[in-house]
Amino acid sequence: MLLHGAGMDSRLWDAVVPELARHHDVIRYDARGLGRSAPPGKPFSDVEDLCAVLDHFRLRQAALVGLSMGGETALDFTLTHPERVTALALVGASVSGHVWPQSPELSAYATARREHQTATLVELELTIWAAMGRTAPGGELIETMVASNAERRVVSEQHCVVSAGRDAEPNLGEIAAPTLVIHGGHDHPEIAVIAQRLVTDIPNARCETIPDADHYLPLRTPGRLTELLLSHLP
């Protein structure tokens, strides 16, 4: 199960799916309100949505591969439904409960999300998270995804409900699923901090850094990412 990040959609995995699907049954979907999914009209939970997708396909268990917000969802789901997760791959993952450092760029990013400044949000998304730029691999698709999802994203985030007390960071030691943590060398520095916390606190987790990638790692270095996933997934 492939889970994309905020402001993205399932196209994030375009360059990874073909080879991965030669060895595994692969499912990817657009998180609610993003990509081709319908905009939310009522409160929803991303964890409950993941559960609903698994149930739709009658899957008792799955390996979860999540990037950024998708990694956060995968962690929260694993802590809630540990019996349903066979393995975790956390790619440039965020984690619920993590306190991000204050900085002008991250404050501006949060303000743009909160105040529906979609043009500013697109600019900051590409500056902060797609730091390698348009000329790097996947650059054109990244810009297309970010622009097409900016308005949808702020609407979706208004309706997304985060359950009280579900923070994963203090509870990482409870995770028993085999876990691989991956991040890009050009990602935001705090992602490396989170990666270190994940690999330290999750029992037997291991970490891989891909030097030539930013936050959009599946489009920047799909070959290396696929290689790591195939070596990890059961």
Protein backbone atom coordinates (compact mmCIF):
# COMPACT_ATOMS: atom_id res chain seq x y z
CA MET A 1 0.00 0.00 0.00
CA LEU A 2 1.58 3.27 -1.17
CA LEU A 3 0.61 6.45 0.69
CA HIS A 4 1.53 9.86 -0.71
CA GLY A 5 2.23 13.11 1.12
CA ALA A 6 0.21 16.29 1.67
CA GLY A 7 -0.39 18.39 -1.43
CA MET A 8 0.50 15.43 -3.65
CA ASP A 9 -1.46 12.54 -5.08
CA SER A 10 -0.87 8.98 -6.21
CA ARG A 11 1.14 10.16 -9.23
CA LEU A 12 4.01 10.49 -6.76
CA TRP A 13 4.56 6.75 -7.26
CA ASP A 14 4.42 6.70 -11.08
CA ALA A 15 8.09 5.83 -11.50
CA VAL A 16 8.13 3.22 -8.72
CA VAL A 17 4.99 1.17 -9.39
CA PRO A 18 5.98 -0.66 -12.61
CA GLU A 19 8.98 -2.47 -11.13
CA LEU A 20 7.43 -2.87 -7.69
CA ALA A 21 4.34 -4.44 -9.25
CA ARG A 22 6.48 -7.10 -10.92
CA HIS A 23 7.10 -8.55 -7.46
CA HIS A 24 4.12 -7.47 -5.32
CA ASP A 25 0.44 -6.66 -5.52
CA VAL A 26 0.51 -2.85 -5.29
CA ILE A 27 -2.29 -0.48 -4.30
CA ARG A 28 -2.05 3.30 -4.36
CA TYR A 29 -4.85 5.78 -3.89
CA ASP A 30 -5.44 9.53 -3.73
CA ALA A 31 -5.97 10.67 -0.16
CA ARG A 32 -9.35 12.24 0.42
CA GLY A 33 -9.72 15.59 -1.33
CA LEU A 34 -6.52 15.22 -3.36
CA GLY A 35 -5.85 14.04 -6.89
CA ARG A 36 -8.93 12.40 -8.38
CA SER A 37 -10.69 11.79 -5.06
CA ALA A 38 -13.85 13.67 -4.14
CA PRO A 39 -13.57 16.72 -1.86
CA PRO A 40 -14.61 16.00 1.72
CA GLY A 41 -17.98 17.27 2.83
CA LYS A 42 -17.68 16.20 6.45
CA PRO A 43 -14.93 15.39 8.97
CA PHE A 44 -12.78 12.38 8.15
CA SER A 45 -9.77 10.49 9.48
CA ASP A 46 -6.88 9.54 7.23
CA VAL A 47 -6.29 6.46 9.40
CA GLU A 48 -9.90 5.36 9.03
CA ASP A 49 -9.69 5.97 5.29
CA LEU A 50 -6.67 3.67 5.04
CA CYS A 51 -8.57 1.04 6.98
CA ALA A 52 -11.51 1.43 4.60
CA VAL A 53 -9.28 0.94 1.55
CA LEU A 54 -7.81 -2.25 3.01
CA ASP A 55 -11.29 -3.51 3.83
CA HIS A 56 -12.52 -2.66 0.33
CA PHE A 57 -9.88 -4.95 -1.14
CA ARG A 58 -10.54 -7.55 1.58
CA LEU A 59 -6.96 -7.36 2.78
CA ARG A 60 -6.40 -8.55 6.31
CA GLN A 61 -2.77 -7.39 6.20
CA ALA A 62 -0.49 -5.23 4.07
CA ALA A 63 2.94 -3.68 3.99
CA LEU A 64 2.71 0.11 4.18
CA VAL A 65 4.98 2.51 2.29
CA GLY A 66 4.32 6.11 3.26
CA LEU A 67 5.94 9.39 2.30
CA SER A 68 5.70 12.48 4.51
CA MET A 69 2.03 12.72 5.58
CA GLY A 70 1.60 9.19 4.23
CA GLY A 71 4.33 8.01 6.58
CA GLU A 72 2.57 9.70 9.48
CA THR A 73 -0.67 7.95 8.52
CA ALA A 74 1.16 4.62 8.25
CA LEU A 75 2.63 5.03 11.73
CA ASP A 76 -0.68 6.03 13.29
CA PHE A 77 -2.41 3.12 11.57
CA THR A 78 0.26 0.67 12.74
CA LEU A 79 -0.11 1.77 16.35
CA THR A 80 -3.90 1.45 16.09
CA HIS A 81 -4.02 -1.79 14.06
CA PRO A 82 -0.65 -3.54 14.60
CA GLU A 83 -2.02 -6.92 13.53
CA ARG A 84 -2.73 -5.62 10.03
CA VAL A 85 0.78 -4.37 9.15
CA THR A 86 3.42 -6.78 7.87
CA ALA A 87 6.14 -4.18 7.25
CA LEU A 88 6.71 -0.43 7.23
CA ALA A 89 8.75 1.73 4.87
CA LEU A 90 8.82 5.36 5.99
CA VAL A 91 10.07 7.71 3.27
CA GLY A 92 10.82 11.30 4.31
CA ALA A 93 8.18 10.64 6.94
CA SER A 94 6.59 13.01 9.37
CA VAL A 95 5.34 11.67 12.70
CA SER A 96 2.38 12.82 14.77
CA GLY A 97 3.44 14.45 18.00
CA HIS A 98 6.71 15.84 16.65
CA VAL A 99 7.39 19.47 17.56
CA TRP A 100 8.83 21.23 14.52
CA PRO A 101 11.40 24.01 15.03
CA GLN A 102 10.34 27.58 14.38
CA SER A 103 11.72 29.21 11.24
CA PRO A 104 10.51 31.98 8.93
CA GLU A 105 9.96 29.61 6.01
CA LEU A 106 8.00 27.03 8.00
CA SER A 107 5.93 29.77 9.66
CA ALA A 108 5.09 31.22 6.24
CA TYR A 109 4.21 27.73 5.01
CA ALA A 110 1.86 27.14 7.93
CA THR A 111 0.25 30.56 7.42
CA ALA A 112 -0.33 29.90 3.73
CA ARG A 113 -2.05 26.61 4.57
CA ARG A 114 -4.16 28.12 7.32
CA GLU A 115 -5.21 31.24 5.40
CA HIS A 116 -5.82 29.56 2.02
CA GLN A 117 -3.05 31.48 0.26
CA THR A 118 -2.78 28.90 -2.49
CA ALA A 119 -0.34 30.74 -4.77
CA THR A 120 2.03 31.28 -1.85
CA LEU A 121 1.54 27.68 -0.75
CA VAL A 122 2.59 26.39 -4.18
CA GLU A 123 5.68 28.60 -4.18
CA LEU A 124 6.73 27.55 -0.68
CA GLU A 125 6.00 23.85 -1.31
CA LEU A 126 8.36 23.88 -4.28
CA THR A 127 11.01 25.96 -2.50
CA ILE A 128 11.09 24.07 0.79
CA TRP A 129 10.23 20.52 -0.23
CA ALA A 130 11.28 20.27 -3.89
CA ALA A 131 14.60 22.02 -3.31
CA MET A 132 16.35 20.30 -6.24
CA GLY A 133 14.14 22.24 -8.63
CA ARG A 134 12.36 21.70 -11.93
CA THR A 135 15.42 20.49 -13.85
CA ALA A 136 15.97 17.53 -11.51
CA PRO A 137 14.23 14.23 -12.32
CA GLY A 138 10.47 14.41 -11.89
CA GLY A 139 10.50 18.20 -11.67
CA GLU A 140 7.71 18.83 -14.17
CA LEU A 141 5.34 16.32 -12.58
CA ILE A 142 6.10 17.63 -9.11
CA GLU A 143 5.15 21.17 -10.17
CA THR A 144 1.98 19.89 -11.84
CA MET A 145 0.91 17.91 -8.76
CA VAL A 146 1.60 20.75 -6.35
CA ALA A 147 -0.27 23.32 -8.44
CA SER A 148 -3.28 21.09 -9.11
CA ASN A 149 -3.66 20.08 -5.46
CA ALA A 150 -3.05 23.39 -3.66
CA GLU A 151 -6.69 24.48 -3.45
CA ARG A 152 -7.91 20.94 -2.79
CA ARG A 153 -5.36 20.57 -0.03
CA VAL A 154 -6.49 23.50 2.09
CA VAL A 155 -10.11 22.33 1.83
CA SER A 156 -9.19 18.76 2.73
CA GLU A 157 -7.07 19.79 5.71
CA GLN A 158 -10.01 21.74 7.14
CA HIS A 159 -12.03 18.52 7.35
CA CYS A 160 -9.28 16.11 8.44
CA VAL A 161 -9.76 15.09 12.06
CA VAL A 162 -6.77 14.17 14.21
CA SER A 163 -7.85 12.01 17.12
CA ALA A 164 -6.90 13.38 20.51
CA GLY A 165 -4.01 11.52 22.10
CA ARG A 166 -3.04 9.56 19.01
CA ASP A 167 0.51 11.02 18.82
CA ALA A 168 2.90 8.40 17.51
CA GLU A 169 6.23 9.87 18.55
CA PRO A 170 6.04 8.89 22.25
CA ASN A 171 4.85 5.39 21.31
CA LEU A 172 7.30 4.35 18.60
CA GLY A 173 8.74 1.64 20.83
CA GLU A 174 5.47 -0.29 20.50
CA ILE A 175 5.94 -0.87 16.77
CA ALA A 176 6.84 -4.48 15.99
CA ALA A 177 6.60 -4.44 12.19
CA PRO A 178 9.96 -4.57 10.35
CA THR A 179 10.70 -0.93 9.57
CA LEU A 180 12.87 0.78 6.98
CA VAL A 181 13.40 4.55 7.29
CA ILE A 182 14.52 6.41 4.15
CA HIS A 183 15.20 10.08 3.55
CA GLY A 184 16.85 12.24 0.91
CA GLY A 185 20.09 14.12 1.41
CA HIS A 186 18.50 17.31 0.03
CA ASP A 187 15.32 17.09 2.10
CA HIS A 188 14.47 19.64 4.79
CA PRO A 189 16.94 19.15 7.69
CA GLU A 190 14.18 18.34 10.17
CA ILE A 191 13.25 15.25 8.15
CA ALA A 192 16.69 13.83 8.96
CA VAL A 193 16.06 14.61 12.65
CA ILE A 194 12.76 12.74 12.49
CA ALA A 195 14.41 9.85 10.63
CA GLN A 196 16.97 9.51 13.40
CA ARG A 197 14.24 9.52 16.03
CA LEU A 198 12.33 6.84 14.12
CA VAL A 199 15.32 4.54 13.70
CA THR A 200 16.35 5.04 17.34
CA ASP A 201 12.95 4.41 18.90
CA ILE A 202 11.41 1.77 16.62
CA PRO A 203 12.87 -1.62 17.57
CA ASN A 204 15.28 -2.99 14.95
CA ALA A 205 14.51 -0.23 12.43
CA ARG A 206 17.21 0.58 9.92
CA CYS A 207 17.89 3.81 8.05
CA GLU A 208 19.01 4.61 4.51
CA THR A 209 19.90 8.05 3.14
CA ILE A 210 19.66 8.67 -0.61
CA PRO A 211 22.04 11.56 -1.33
CA ASP A 212 20.58 12.78 -4.62
CA ALA A 213 16.98 13.30 -3.52
CA ASP A 214 14.82 15.86 -1.76
CA HIS A 215 11.37 15.32 -0.22
CA TYR A 216 9.95 14.03 -3.53
CA LEU A 217 12.21 11.02 -3.40
CA PRO A 218 10.03 8.55 -5.41
CA LEU A 219 10.28 10.84 -8.45
CA ARG A 220 13.88 11.97 -7.93
CA THR A 221 15.53 8.56 -7.49
CA PRO A 222 12.91 5.90 -8.26
CA GLY A 223 15.44 3.20 -9.10
CA ARG A 224 17.28 3.36 -5.81
CA LEU A 225 14.08 3.65 -3.82
CA THR A 226 12.56 0.64 -5.57
CA GLU A 227 15.72 -1.36 -4.90
CA LEU A 228 15.50 -0.57 -1.18
CA LEU A 229 11.81 -1.39 -1.02
CA LEU A 230 12.22 -4.71 -2.79
CA SER A 231 14.97 -5.70 -0.37
CA HIS A 232 12.78 -4.83 2.62
CA LEU A 233 9.20 -5.78 1.79
CA PRO A 234 8.11 -9.35 2.57
